[in-house]
Amino acid sequence: MLAEVIACASRHAIGVMMSDSPPREPRSSVILYARIEHGERSVEVRVRNLSATGACVDNPGELQKGNRIGVTMGSLVALSAEVMWTSPTLAGLHFSDGVIDLAEARRPRERGTAGTKASAGWINNVQHAYRRRDT
């Protein structure tokens, strides 16, 4: 997996050196999770690096170049993105709506949810540190 992350960074560096396009936004290595919605399917993926205009994420195997997807990351919900490139394990995304707020993208969110949390019943406190009983 380390080789894939290095390949992701290398692809970015080579693209910048060989391209006549304007420079890309600086990317930061991160350990975040995002929810990707593609068609009728929704899947949680790891974000490997992030910039204000795009991200490198784990490819669940079904993303293809040119796909339009929805992304929920941190407190940002329903971001539009286009898949710019793919490998068997990674995908490069470009946020279609322009620049995102990186602080909001990094804001903690529960994995496996789209920002919702149980609010009633015993399940709400099932992982609470002071209620947990280890036997």
N, C-alpha and C. Protein backbone atom coordinates (compact mmCIF):
# COMPACT_ATOMS: atom_id res chain seq x y z
N MET A 1 0.83 -1.18 0.00
CA MET A 1 0.00 0.00 0.00
C MET A 1 0.87 1.25 0.00
N LEU A 2 2.03 1.21 0.66
CA LEU A 2 2.93 2.36 0.67
C LEU A 2 3.35 2.72 -0.75
N ALA A 3 3.57 1.70 -1.58
CA ALA A 3 3.95 1.96 -2.97
C ALA A 3 2.85 2.70 -3.71
N GLU A 4 1.59 2.37 -3.41
CA GLU A 4 0.47 3.06 -4.06
C GLU A 4 0.40 4.53 -3.64
N VAL A 5 0.66 4.80 -2.36
CA VAL A 5 0.64 6.18 -1.87
C VAL A 5 1.77 6.97 -2.52
N ILE A 6 2.95 6.36 -2.63
CA ILE A 6 4.08 7.02 -3.30
C ILE A 6 3.75 7.25 -4.76
N ALA A 7 3.09 6.28 -5.39
CA ALA A 7 2.69 6.44 -6.79
C ALA A 7 1.71 7.59 -6.94
N CYS A 8 0.82 7.75 -5.97
CA CYS A 8 -0.15 8.85 -5.99
C CYS A 8 0.59 10.18 -5.95
N ALA A 9 1.57 10.31 -5.06
CA ALA A 9 2.35 11.55 -4.95
C ALA A 9 3.22 11.75 -6.18
N SER A 10 3.79 10.66 -6.71
CA SER A 10 4.64 10.76 -7.89
C SER A 10 3.84 11.18 -9.12
N ARG A 11 2.64 10.63 -9.27
CA ARG A 11 1.78 11.00 -10.39
C ARG A 11 1.51 12.49 -10.36
N HIS A 12 1.28 13.01 -9.15
CA HIS A 12 1.04 14.44 -8.98
C HIS A 12 2.28 15.24 -9.39
N ALA A 13 3.47 14.83 -8.91
CA ALA A 13 4.70 15.55 -9.20
C ALA A 13 5.03 15.52 -10.69
N ILE A 14 4.88 14.37 -11.33
CA ILE A 14 5.16 14.25 -12.75
C ILE A 14 4.18 15.08 -13.55
N GLY A 15 2.92 15.04 -13.17
CA GLY A 15 1.91 15.82 -13.87
C GLY A 15 2.20 17.30 -13.81
N VAL A 16 2.72 17.77 -12.68
CA VAL A 16 3.05 19.19 -12.54
C VAL A 16 4.24 19.54 -13.39
N MET A 17 5.27 18.67 -13.42
CA MET A 17 6.48 18.96 -14.18
C MET A 17 6.22 18.92 -15.68
N MET A 18 5.35 18.03 -16.16
CA MET A 18 5.17 17.84 -17.59
C MET A 18 3.98 18.61 -18.15
N SER A 19 3.27 19.33 -17.32
CA SER A 19 2.05 19.98 -17.74
C SER A 19 2.26 21.46 -17.96
N ASP A 20 1.55 22.00 -18.95
CA ASP A 20 1.57 23.44 -19.17
C ASP A 20 0.43 24.12 -18.42
N SER A 21 -0.38 23.34 -17.72
CA SER A 21 -1.51 23.90 -16.98
C SER A 21 -1.00 24.64 -15.75
N PRO A 22 -1.86 25.48 -15.17
CA PRO A 22 -1.45 26.21 -13.97
C PRO A 22 -1.09 25.25 -12.84
N PRO A 23 -0.26 25.70 -11.90
CA PRO A 23 0.13 24.81 -10.80
C PRO A 23 -1.07 24.34 -10.00
N ARG A 24 -0.97 23.13 -9.46
CA ARG A 24 -2.04 22.56 -8.64
C ARG A 24 -1.94 23.07 -7.22
N GLU A 25 -3.05 22.95 -6.53
CA GLU A 25 -3.08 23.29 -5.11
C GLU A 25 -2.16 22.32 -4.36
N PRO A 26 -1.47 22.79 -3.32
CA PRO A 26 -0.64 21.86 -2.54
C PRO A 26 -1.50 20.80 -1.87
N ARG A 27 -0.98 19.58 -1.83
CA ARG A 27 -1.71 18.47 -1.23
C ARG A 27 -1.09 18.11 0.11
N SER A 28 -1.94 17.71 1.03
CA SER A 28 -1.50 17.29 2.36
C SER A 28 -1.83 15.82 2.55
N SER A 29 -0.87 15.06 3.07
CA SER A 29 -1.16 13.67 3.42
C SER A 29 -2.07 13.70 4.64
N VAL A 30 -3.13 12.91 4.59
CA VAL A 30 -4.12 12.90 5.67
C VAL A 30 -4.54 11.48 5.98
N ILE A 31 -5.15 11.31 7.13
CA ILE A 31 -5.79 10.06 7.49
C ILE A 31 -7.24 10.42 7.79
N LEU A 32 -8.05 10.42 6.74
CA LEU A 32 -9.46 10.76 6.84
C LEU A 32 -10.28 9.68 6.15
N TYR A 33 -11.55 9.68 6.44
CA TYR A 33 -12.47 8.79 5.74
C TYR A 33 -13.57 9.63 5.12
N ALA A 34 -14.02 9.20 3.96
CA ALA A 34 -15.09 9.90 3.25
C ALA A 34 -16.10 8.87 2.77
N ARG A 35 -17.32 9.33 2.56
CA ARG A 35 -18.35 8.48 1.99
C ARG A 35 -18.50 8.90 0.53
N ILE A 36 -18.38 7.90 -0.36
CA ILE A 36 -18.53 8.14 -1.80
C ILE A 36 -19.85 7.54 -2.24
N GLU A 37 -20.62 8.32 -2.95
CA GLU A 37 -21.89 7.84 -3.51
C GLU A 37 -21.77 7.83 -5.02
N HIS A 38 -21.92 6.63 -5.58
CA HIS A 38 -21.80 6.44 -7.02
C HIS A 38 -22.97 5.58 -7.47
N GLY A 39 -23.87 6.18 -8.22
CA GLY A 39 -25.07 5.46 -8.63
C GLY A 39 -25.92 5.17 -7.40
N GLU A 40 -26.33 3.93 -7.25
CA GLU A 40 -27.14 3.53 -6.09
C GLU A 40 -26.28 3.08 -4.92
N ARG A 41 -24.98 3.01 -5.11
CA ARG A 41 -24.07 2.47 -4.10
C ARG A 41 -23.40 3.60 -3.31
N SER A 42 -23.20 3.34 -2.02
CA SER A 42 -22.52 4.27 -1.13
C SER A 42 -21.48 3.48 -0.36
N VAL A 43 -20.24 3.96 -0.34
CA VAL A 43 -19.17 3.22 0.30
C VAL A 43 -18.24 4.18 1.04
N GLU A 44 -17.69 3.71 2.17
CA GLU A 44 -16.74 4.46 2.97
C GLU A 44 -15.34 4.17 2.44
N VAL A 45 -14.53 5.23 2.17
CA VAL A 45 -13.18 5.05 1.64
C VAL A 45 -12.19 5.89 2.44
N ARG A 46 -10.94 5.51 2.39
CA ARG A 46 -9.87 6.27 3.03
C ARG A 46 -9.39 7.35 2.08
N VAL A 47 -9.22 8.56 2.60
CA VAL A 47 -8.64 9.67 1.85
C VAL A 47 -7.15 9.65 2.13
N ARG A 48 -6.34 9.56 1.08
CA ARG A 48 -4.88 9.47 1.23
C ARG A 48 -4.23 10.85 1.25
N ASN A 49 -4.67 11.74 0.34
CA ASN A 49 -4.19 13.12 0.39
C ASN A 49 -5.31 14.04 -0.06
N LEU A 50 -5.17 15.30 0.31
CA LEU A 50 -6.27 16.24 0.13
C LEU A 50 -5.73 17.62 -0.21
N SER A 51 -6.41 18.29 -1.13
CA SER A 51 -6.14 19.70 -1.41
C SER A 51 -7.48 20.41 -1.47
N ALA A 52 -7.45 21.71 -1.67
CA ALA A 52 -8.68 22.48 -1.73
C ALA A 52 -9.51 22.15 -2.97
N THR A 53 -8.88 21.52 -3.98
CA THR A 53 -9.60 21.23 -5.23
C THR A 53 -9.72 19.76 -5.56
N GLY A 54 -9.11 18.88 -4.76
CA GLY A 54 -9.19 17.45 -5.08
C GLY A 54 -8.65 16.57 -3.98
N ALA A 55 -8.68 15.26 -4.24
CA ALA A 55 -8.23 14.28 -3.25
C ALA A 55 -7.81 12.99 -3.95
N CYS A 56 -6.96 12.24 -3.28
CA CYS A 56 -6.60 10.89 -3.69
C CYS A 56 -7.23 9.95 -2.67
N VAL A 57 -8.08 9.03 -3.13
CA VAL A 57 -8.81 8.14 -2.23
C VAL A 57 -8.59 6.69 -2.63
N ASP A 58 -8.87 5.78 -1.69
CA ASP A 58 -8.86 4.36 -2.02
C ASP A 58 -9.96 4.10 -3.04
N ASN A 59 -9.66 3.30 -4.04
CA ASN A 59 -10.65 2.95 -5.06
C ASN A 59 -11.32 1.65 -4.66
N PRO A 60 -12.63 1.69 -4.39
CA PRO A 60 -13.32 0.45 -4.01
C PRO A 60 -13.44 -0.54 -5.16
N GLY A 61 -12.89 -0.20 -6.32
CA GLY A 61 -12.87 -1.13 -7.45
C GLY A 61 -13.85 -0.81 -8.54
N GLU A 62 -14.76 0.12 -8.32
CA GLU A 62 -15.77 0.40 -9.33
C GLU A 62 -15.64 1.78 -9.94
N LEU A 63 -14.75 2.62 -9.42
CA LEU A 63 -14.59 3.96 -9.97
C LEU A 63 -13.80 3.93 -11.26
N GLN A 64 -14.25 4.71 -12.23
CA GLN A 64 -13.57 4.81 -13.51
C GLN A 64 -13.40 6.28 -13.86
N LYS A 65 -12.37 6.57 -14.63
CA LYS A 65 -12.11 7.95 -15.06
C LYS A 65 -13.37 8.51 -15.71
N GLY A 66 -13.73 9.74 -15.31
CA GLY A 66 -14.90 10.40 -15.86
C GLY A 66 -16.17 10.24 -15.05
N ASN A 67 -16.19 9.29 -14.09
CA ASN A 67 -17.37 9.13 -13.23
C ASN A 67 -17.63 10.40 -12.45
N ARG A 68 -18.90 10.73 -12.29
CA ARG A 68 -19.32 11.84 -11.42
C ARG A 68 -19.85 11.21 -10.15
N ILE A 69 -19.33 11.65 -9.01
CA ILE A 69 -19.69 11.05 -7.73
C ILE A 69 -20.03 12.12 -6.71
N GLY A 70 -20.67 11.70 -5.63
CA GLY A 70 -20.92 12.56 -4.48
C GLY A 70 -19.98 12.16 -3.36
N VAL A 71 -19.46 13.15 -2.63
CA VAL A 71 -18.51 12.88 -1.56
C VAL A 71 -18.97 13.59 -0.29
N THR A 72 -18.96 12.86 0.83
CA THR A 72 -19.21 13.44 2.15
C THR A 72 -17.94 13.24 2.96
N MET A 73 -17.36 14.36 3.44
CA MET A 73 -16.09 14.29 4.15
C MET A 73 -16.11 15.34 5.25
N GLY A 74 -15.84 14.93 6.49
CA GLY A 74 -15.91 15.87 7.59
C GLY A 74 -17.32 16.41 7.71
N SER A 75 -17.43 17.73 7.77
CA SER A 75 -18.77 18.34 7.84
C SER A 75 -19.27 18.75 6.46
N LEU A 76 -18.51 18.45 5.42
CA LEU A 76 -18.92 18.77 4.05
C LEU A 76 -19.77 17.62 3.51
N VAL A 77 -20.98 17.93 3.06
CA VAL A 77 -21.92 16.91 2.62
C VAL A 77 -22.26 17.14 1.16
N ALA A 78 -22.36 16.06 0.40
CA ALA A 78 -22.80 16.08 -1.00
C ALA A 78 -21.92 16.97 -1.88
N LEU A 79 -20.59 16.84 -1.73
CA LEU A 79 -19.69 17.51 -2.65
C LEU A 79 -19.74 16.80 -3.99
N SER A 80 -19.77 17.55 -5.07
CA SER A 80 -19.71 16.94 -6.40
C SER A 80 -18.25 16.78 -6.78
N ALA A 81 -17.90 15.63 -7.34
CA ALA A 81 -16.52 15.38 -7.75
C ALA A 81 -16.51 14.56 -9.04
N GLU A 82 -15.42 14.71 -9.78
CA GLU A 82 -15.20 13.91 -10.98
C GLU A 82 -13.95 13.07 -10.78
N VAL A 83 -14.00 11.81 -11.18
CA VAL A 83 -12.84 10.93 -11.09
C VAL A 83 -11.92 11.28 -12.26
N MET A 84 -10.71 11.74 -11.94
CA MET A 84 -9.76 12.18 -12.97
C MET A 84 -8.83 11.07 -13.43
N TRP A 85 -8.51 10.12 -12.55
CA TRP A 85 -7.66 8.98 -12.90
C TRP A 85 -7.94 7.86 -11.89
N THR A 86 -7.61 6.64 -12.29
CA THR A 86 -7.76 5.50 -11.39
C THR A 86 -6.59 4.55 -11.54
N SER A 87 -6.36 3.79 -10.50
CA SER A 87 -5.46 2.64 -10.53
C SER A 87 -6.28 1.53 -9.87
N PRO A 88 -5.76 0.32 -9.81
CA PRO A 88 -6.55 -0.74 -9.17
C PRO A 88 -6.92 -0.45 -7.71
N THR A 89 -6.13 0.38 -7.01
CA THR A 89 -6.40 0.61 -5.60
C THR A 89 -6.67 2.07 -5.23
N LEU A 90 -6.39 3.02 -6.12
CA LEU A 90 -6.55 4.44 -5.82
C LEU A 90 -7.34 5.15 -6.91
N ALA A 91 -7.87 6.33 -6.55
CA ALA A 91 -8.55 7.17 -7.53
C ALA A 91 -8.28 8.63 -7.20
N GLY A 92 -8.10 9.44 -8.23
CA GLY A 92 -7.89 10.87 -8.06
C GLY A 92 -9.19 11.61 -8.34
N LEU A 93 -9.61 12.46 -7.41
CA LEU A 93 -10.87 13.20 -7.54
C LEU A 93 -10.60 14.69 -7.70
N HIS A 94 -11.45 15.35 -8.49
CA HIS A 94 -11.44 16.80 -8.62
C HIS A 94 -12.81 17.30 -8.19
N PHE A 95 -12.84 18.20 -7.20
CA PHE A 95 -14.11 18.72 -6.71
C PHE A 95 -14.70 19.68 -7.74
N SER A 96 -15.88 19.35 -8.24
CA SER A 96 -16.51 20.09 -9.34
C SER A 96 -17.00 21.46 -8.94
N ASP A 97 -17.33 21.66 -7.68
CA ASP A 97 -17.90 22.93 -7.23
C ASP A 97 -16.84 23.96 -6.86
N GLY A 98 -15.58 23.66 -7.14
CA GLY A 98 -14.50 24.60 -6.83
C GLY A 98 -13.79 24.25 -5.54
N VAL A 99 -13.25 25.26 -4.89
CA VAL A 99 -12.42 25.11 -3.71
C VAL A 99 -13.28 24.74 -2.49
N ILE A 100 -12.78 23.78 -1.70
CA ILE A 100 -13.48 23.38 -0.47
C ILE A 100 -12.75 23.95 0.74
N ASP A 101 -13.42 23.98 1.86
CA ASP A 101 -12.84 24.42 3.13
C ASP A 101 -12.14 23.22 3.75
N LEU A 102 -10.80 23.25 3.77
CA LEU A 102 -10.03 22.10 4.26
C LEU A 102 -10.28 21.83 5.75
N ALA A 103 -10.49 22.88 6.53
CA ALA A 103 -10.77 22.69 7.96
C ALA A 103 -12.08 21.93 8.15
N GLU A 104 -13.09 22.25 7.34
CA GLU A 104 -14.38 21.54 7.44
C GLU A 104 -14.24 20.10 6.94
N ALA A 105 -13.41 19.87 5.94
CA ALA A 105 -13.19 18.52 5.43
C ALA A 105 -12.49 17.65 6.46
N ARG A 106 -11.65 18.26 7.29
CA ARG A 106 -10.90 17.51 8.31
C ARG A 106 -11.68 17.36 9.61
N ARG A 107 -12.80 18.03 9.74
CA ARG A 107 -13.58 17.95 10.97
C ARG A 107 -13.99 16.50 11.22
N PRO A 108 -13.84 15.99 12.44
CA PRO A 108 -14.17 14.58 12.72
C PRO A 108 -15.63 14.26 12.41
N ARG A 109 -15.83 13.08 11.91
CA ARG A 109 -17.16 12.55 11.58
C ARG A 109 -17.10 11.07 11.86
N GLU A 110 -18.22 10.52 12.29
CA GLU A 110 -18.25 9.08 12.57
C GLU A 110 -18.15 8.30 11.27
N ARG A 111 -17.28 7.32 11.22
CA ARG A 111 -17.19 6.45 10.05
C ARG A 111 -18.45 5.63 9.91
N GLY A 112 -18.86 5.40 8.68
CA GLY A 112 -20.01 4.56 8.43
C GLY A 112 -21.32 5.31 8.47
N THR A 113 -21.25 6.61 8.73
CA THR A 113 -22.47 7.41 8.74
C THR A 113 -22.28 8.61 7.85
N ALA A 114 -23.33 9.22 7.47
CA ALA A 114 -23.26 10.43 6.65
C ALA A 114 -23.51 11.65 7.54
N GLY A 115 -23.01 11.61 8.75
CA GLY A 115 -23.16 12.72 9.66
C GLY A 115 -24.30 12.55 10.65
N THR A 116 -25.02 11.44 10.59
CA THR A 116 -26.12 11.22 11.54
C THR A 116 -25.63 10.37 12.68
N LYS A 117 -26.27 10.53 13.82
CA LYS A 117 -25.90 9.77 15.00
C LYS A 117 -27.17 9.33 15.72
N ALA A 118 -27.13 8.14 16.30
CA ALA A 118 -28.29 7.68 17.07
C ALA A 118 -28.57 8.67 18.19
N SER A 119 -29.83 8.98 18.41
CA SER A 119 -30.14 9.98 19.42
C SER A 119 -31.10 9.46 20.48
N ALA A 120 -31.51 8.21 20.40
CA ALA A 120 -32.45 7.69 21.39
C ALA A 120 -32.12 6.23 21.69
N GLY A 121 -32.57 5.78 22.84
CA GLY A 121 -32.40 4.37 23.19
C GLY A 121 -31.01 4.06 23.72
N TRP A 122 -30.79 2.82 24.06
CA TRP A 122 -29.53 2.38 24.66
C TRP A 122 -28.37 2.44 23.67
N ILE A 123 -28.63 2.35 22.37
CA ILE A 123 -27.55 2.33 21.38
C ILE A 123 -26.75 3.62 21.38
N ASN A 124 -27.37 4.73 21.79
CA ASN A 124 -26.70 6.02 21.82
C ASN A 124 -25.47 6.00 22.72
N ASN A 125 -25.50 5.25 23.81
CA ASN A 125 -24.40 5.23 24.77
C ASN A 125 -23.63 3.92 24.79
N VAL A 126 -23.79 3.10 23.78
CA VAL A 126 -23.19 1.77 23.81
C VAL A 126 -21.66 1.84 23.91
N GLN A 127 -21.01 2.85 23.33
CA GLN A 127 -19.55 2.96 23.38
C GLN A 127 -19.07 4.01 24.38
N HIS A 128 -19.97 4.55 25.20
CA HIS A 128 -19.61 5.57 26.17
C HIS A 128 -18.59 4.99 27.15
N ALA A 129 -17.49 5.72 27.40
CA ALA A 129 -16.39 5.22 28.23
C ALA A 129 -16.83 4.86 29.63
N TYR A 130 -17.78 5.59 30.20
CA TYR A 130 -18.17 5.35 31.57
C TYR A 130 -19.29 4.32 31.68
N ARG A 131 -19.84 3.87 30.59
CA ARG A 131 -20.88 2.85 30.62
C ARG A 131 -20.36 1.50 30.17
N ARG A 132 -19.24 1.49 29.55
CA ARG A 132 -18.68 0.24 29.03
C ARG A 132 -18.23 -0.66 30.16
N ARG A 133 -18.57 -1.93 30.05
CA ARG A 133 -18.20 -2.89 31.07
C ARG A 133 -17.32 -3.96 30.43
N ASP A 134 -16.08 -4.01 30.85
CA ASP A 134 -15.16 -5.04 30.36
C ASP A 134 -15.17 -6.18 31.37
N THR A 135 -15.40 -7.38 30.88
CA THR A 135 -15.42 -8.54 31.79
C THR A 135 -14.32 -9.50 31.48
